[in-house]
N, C-alpha and C. Protein backbone atom coordinates (compact mmCIF):
# COMPACT_ATOMS: atom_id res chain seq x y z
N MET A 1 -37.08 186.20 99.31
CA MET A 1 -38.06 186.34 100.36
C MET A 1 -37.90 185.18 101.36
N GLU A 2 -37.75 185.52 102.65
CA GLU A 2 -37.52 184.52 103.68
C GLU A 2 -38.85 183.87 104.07
N GLU A 3 -38.85 182.55 104.14
CA GLU A 3 -40.06 181.81 104.51
C GLU A 3 -40.25 181.85 106.02
N GLN A 4 -41.45 182.17 106.45
CA GLN A 4 -41.78 182.21 107.87
C GLN A 4 -42.05 180.78 108.35
N LYS A 5 -41.35 180.36 109.42
CA LYS A 5 -41.60 179.02 109.94
C LYS A 5 -42.90 179.03 110.74
N GLU A 6 -43.51 177.84 110.83
CA GLU A 6 -44.76 177.72 111.57
C GLU A 6 -44.52 178.07 113.04
N PHE A 7 -45.40 178.89 113.61
CA PHE A 7 -45.23 179.32 114.99
C PHE A 7 -45.47 178.19 115.96
N LYS A 8 -44.59 178.09 116.93
CA LYS A 8 -44.71 177.13 118.02
C LYS A 8 -44.38 177.88 119.31
N LYS A 9 -45.23 177.75 120.31
CA LYS A 9 -45.00 178.44 121.58
C LYS A 9 -43.61 178.12 122.12
N VAL A 10 -43.01 179.12 122.77
CA VAL A 10 -41.70 178.94 123.39
C VAL A 10 -41.86 179.04 124.91
N LYS A 11 -40.94 178.45 125.63
CA LYS A 11 -40.96 178.54 127.09
C LYS A 11 -40.39 179.89 127.52
N ALA A 12 -41.05 180.50 128.51
CA ALA A 12 -40.59 181.78 129.04
C ALA A 12 -40.69 181.74 130.57
N PRO A 13 -39.61 182.08 131.26
CA PRO A 13 -39.58 182.00 132.73
C PRO A 13 -40.29 183.19 133.39
N ILE A 14 -41.61 183.24 133.27
CA ILE A 14 -42.35 184.36 133.84
C ILE A 14 -42.99 184.02 135.19
N ILE A 15 -43.06 182.73 135.54
CA ILE A 15 -43.62 182.36 136.84
C ILE A 15 -42.59 182.69 137.92
N GLY A 16 -42.99 183.50 138.88
CA GLY A 16 -42.09 183.90 139.95
C GLY A 16 -41.26 185.13 139.61
N ALA A 17 -41.37 185.62 138.36
CA ALA A 17 -40.66 186.85 137.97
C ALA A 17 -41.41 188.06 138.51
N ASP A 18 -40.77 189.20 138.52
CA ASP A 18 -41.43 190.46 138.88
C ASP A 18 -42.67 190.56 137.99
N GLY A 19 -43.84 190.68 138.60
CA GLY A 19 -45.10 190.65 137.87
C GLY A 19 -45.47 191.92 137.13
N ASN A 20 -44.59 192.91 137.13
CA ASN A 20 -44.87 194.12 136.36
C ASN A 20 -45.08 193.74 134.91
N VAL A 21 -46.17 194.21 134.32
CA VAL A 21 -46.53 193.79 132.97
C VAL A 21 -45.42 194.10 131.96
N PHE A 22 -44.72 195.19 132.14
CA PHE A 22 -43.64 195.54 131.21
C PHE A 22 -42.48 194.57 131.32
N ASN A 23 -42.19 194.13 132.54
CA ASN A 23 -41.15 193.12 132.75
C ASN A 23 -41.55 191.81 132.07
N LEU A 24 -42.79 191.40 132.26
CA LEU A 24 -43.25 190.14 131.66
C LEU A 24 -43.23 190.21 130.13
N ILE A 25 -43.63 191.34 129.58
CA ILE A 25 -43.56 191.52 128.13
C ILE A 25 -42.12 191.34 127.66
N GLY A 26 -41.20 191.97 128.37
CA GLY A 26 -39.79 191.88 128.00
C GLY A 26 -39.26 190.46 128.02
N ILE A 27 -39.62 189.70 129.04
CA ILE A 27 -39.19 188.30 129.14
C ILE A 27 -39.74 187.51 127.96
N CYS A 28 -41.03 187.68 127.69
CA CYS A 28 -41.67 186.96 126.58
C CYS A 28 -41.03 187.32 125.25
N GLN A 29 -40.81 188.62 125.04
CA GLN A 29 -40.21 189.06 123.78
C GLN A 29 -38.80 188.49 123.60
N LYS A 30 -38.02 188.49 124.66
CA LYS A 30 -36.66 187.96 124.59
C LYS A 30 -36.66 186.51 124.14
N GLU A 31 -37.54 185.70 124.74
CA GLU A 31 -37.58 184.28 124.41
C GLU A 31 -38.11 184.06 122.98
N LEU A 32 -39.09 184.85 122.58
CA LEU A 32 -39.61 184.73 121.22
C LEU A 32 -38.53 185.09 120.20
N ARG A 33 -37.83 186.18 120.44
CA ARG A 33 -36.76 186.60 119.51
C ARG A 33 -35.64 185.58 119.42
N LYS A 34 -35.32 184.96 120.56
CA LYS A 34 -34.27 183.92 120.56
C LYS A 34 -34.60 182.80 119.59
N GLU A 35 -35.89 182.52 119.43
CA GLU A 35 -36.33 181.44 118.55
C GLU A 35 -36.66 181.94 117.14
N GLY A 36 -36.39 183.22 116.87
CA GLY A 36 -36.61 183.76 115.54
C GLY A 36 -38.01 184.30 115.29
N TYR A 37 -38.79 184.48 116.34
CA TYR A 37 -40.16 184.97 116.20
C TYR A 37 -40.24 186.49 116.46
N THR A 38 -39.55 187.26 115.65
CA THR A 38 -39.51 188.71 115.82
C THR A 38 -40.89 189.33 115.62
N LYS A 39 -41.58 188.89 114.58
CA LYS A 39 -42.91 189.42 114.29
C LYS A 39 -43.87 189.14 115.45
N GLU A 40 -43.82 187.94 115.98
CA GLU A 40 -44.69 187.55 117.09
C GLU A 40 -44.36 188.32 118.36
N ALA A 41 -43.08 188.61 118.58
CA ALA A 41 -42.67 189.39 119.75
C ALA A 41 -43.29 190.78 119.71
N LYS A 42 -43.28 191.39 118.54
CA LYS A 42 -43.88 192.73 118.38
C LYS A 42 -45.39 192.65 118.53
N GLU A 43 -45.98 191.65 117.92
CA GLU A 43 -47.43 191.45 118.00
C GLU A 43 -47.88 191.27 119.45
N LEU A 44 -47.17 190.45 120.21
CA LEU A 44 -47.49 190.24 121.63
C LEU A 44 -47.48 191.58 122.36
N SER A 45 -46.42 192.33 122.20
CA SER A 45 -46.29 193.61 122.87
C SER A 45 -47.44 194.55 122.50
N ASP A 46 -47.72 194.67 121.21
CA ASP A 46 -48.79 195.56 120.75
C ASP A 46 -50.13 195.16 121.36
N ARG A 47 -50.43 193.87 121.36
CA ARG A 47 -51.71 193.39 121.88
C ARG A 47 -51.82 193.62 123.39
N VAL A 48 -50.76 193.31 124.12
CA VAL A 48 -50.80 193.47 125.58
C VAL A 48 -50.95 194.95 125.95
N LEU A 49 -50.23 195.81 125.26
CA LEU A 49 -50.29 197.23 125.59
C LEU A 49 -51.65 197.86 125.25
N ARG A 50 -52.40 197.24 124.36
CA ARG A 50 -53.73 197.75 124.02
C ARG A 50 -54.82 197.23 124.96
N CYS A 51 -54.56 196.14 125.65
CA CYS A 51 -55.60 195.58 126.52
C CYS A 51 -55.67 196.39 127.81
N GLY A 52 -56.76 196.24 128.51
CA GLY A 52 -56.95 197.06 129.70
C GLY A 52 -56.86 196.34 131.03
N LEU A 53 -56.79 195.03 131.01
CA LEU A 53 -56.80 194.28 132.26
C LEU A 53 -55.56 193.39 132.37
N TYR A 54 -55.04 193.28 133.58
CA TYR A 54 -53.85 192.47 133.83
C TYR A 54 -54.10 191.01 133.45
N GLN A 55 -55.26 190.47 133.84
CA GLN A 55 -55.57 189.08 133.52
C GLN A 55 -55.63 188.86 132.01
N GLU A 56 -56.16 189.83 131.30
CA GLU A 56 -56.20 189.74 129.84
C GLU A 56 -54.79 189.75 129.26
N ALA A 57 -53.93 190.58 129.84
CA ALA A 57 -52.54 190.65 129.40
C ALA A 57 -51.85 189.29 129.56
N LEU A 58 -52.08 188.65 130.70
CA LEU A 58 -51.48 187.33 130.95
C LEU A 58 -52.02 186.30 129.97
N ALA A 59 -53.31 186.37 129.68
CA ALA A 59 -53.92 185.42 128.73
C ALA A 59 -53.32 185.60 127.33
N ILE A 60 -53.08 186.84 126.94
CA ILE A 60 -52.46 187.10 125.63
C ILE A 60 -51.05 186.52 125.60
N MET A 61 -50.29 186.73 126.66
CA MET A 61 -48.93 186.20 126.72
C MET A 61 -48.94 184.68 126.57
N GLU A 62 -49.93 184.04 127.19
CA GLU A 62 -50.00 182.58 127.14
C GLU A 62 -50.37 182.06 125.74
N GLU A 63 -50.81 182.93 124.87
CA GLU A 63 -51.05 182.53 123.48
C GLU A 63 -49.71 182.35 122.74
N TYR A 64 -48.66 182.98 123.27
CA TYR A 64 -47.36 182.99 122.60
C TYR A 64 -46.30 182.16 123.32
N VAL A 65 -46.43 182.05 124.66
CA VAL A 65 -45.39 181.37 125.43
C VAL A 65 -45.99 180.33 126.37
N ILE A 66 -45.14 179.41 126.78
CA ILE A 66 -45.48 178.45 127.83
C ILE A 66 -44.81 178.97 129.09
N PRO A 67 -45.60 179.44 130.07
CA PRO A 67 -45.00 179.98 131.29
C PRO A 67 -44.24 178.89 132.06
N THR A 68 -43.03 179.21 132.46
CA THR A 68 -42.23 178.32 133.29
C THR A 68 -41.63 179.13 134.42
N THR A 69 -41.07 178.43 135.38
CA THR A 69 -40.31 179.12 136.43
C THR A 69 -38.88 179.24 135.95
N SER A 70 -38.12 180.09 136.57
CA SER A 70 -36.72 180.21 136.17
C SER A 70 -35.98 178.90 136.44
N ASN A 71 -36.40 178.13 137.47
CA ASN A 71 -35.79 176.84 137.76
C ASN A 71 -36.01 175.86 136.62
N ASP A 72 -37.24 175.79 136.10
CA ASP A 72 -37.54 174.91 134.97
C ASP A 72 -36.69 175.29 133.77
N TYR A 73 -36.55 176.57 133.57
CA TYR A 73 -35.82 177.09 132.43
C TYR A 73 -34.34 176.73 132.54
N ASP A 74 -33.76 176.91 133.74
CA ASP A 74 -32.35 176.64 133.95
C ASP A 74 -32.02 175.15 133.82
N ASP A 75 -32.95 174.29 134.22
CA ASP A 75 -32.72 172.84 134.15
C ASP A 75 -32.54 172.35 132.72
N GLU A 76 -33.12 173.06 131.77
CA GLU A 76 -33.06 172.61 130.37
C GLU A 76 -31.84 173.14 129.64
N MET A 77 -31.12 174.04 130.21
CA MET A 77 -29.99 174.65 129.53
C MET A 77 -28.73 173.86 129.72
């Protein structure tokens, strides 16, 4: 049985990205999966798709990721 590591928010370049909620979900999921948080990526998607307001969707995403710009993201690579 694989031990689940303690969750830590990951950086996701969603500031300045196409604001379509599906696009933002995809960006967040990609970054979460890169760090091994597959379960959290699915959970984020499920929760966002069940909510009814855009602002609520953004708040849910911020529970999982640290929003950055693509410039911030590129500087660290």
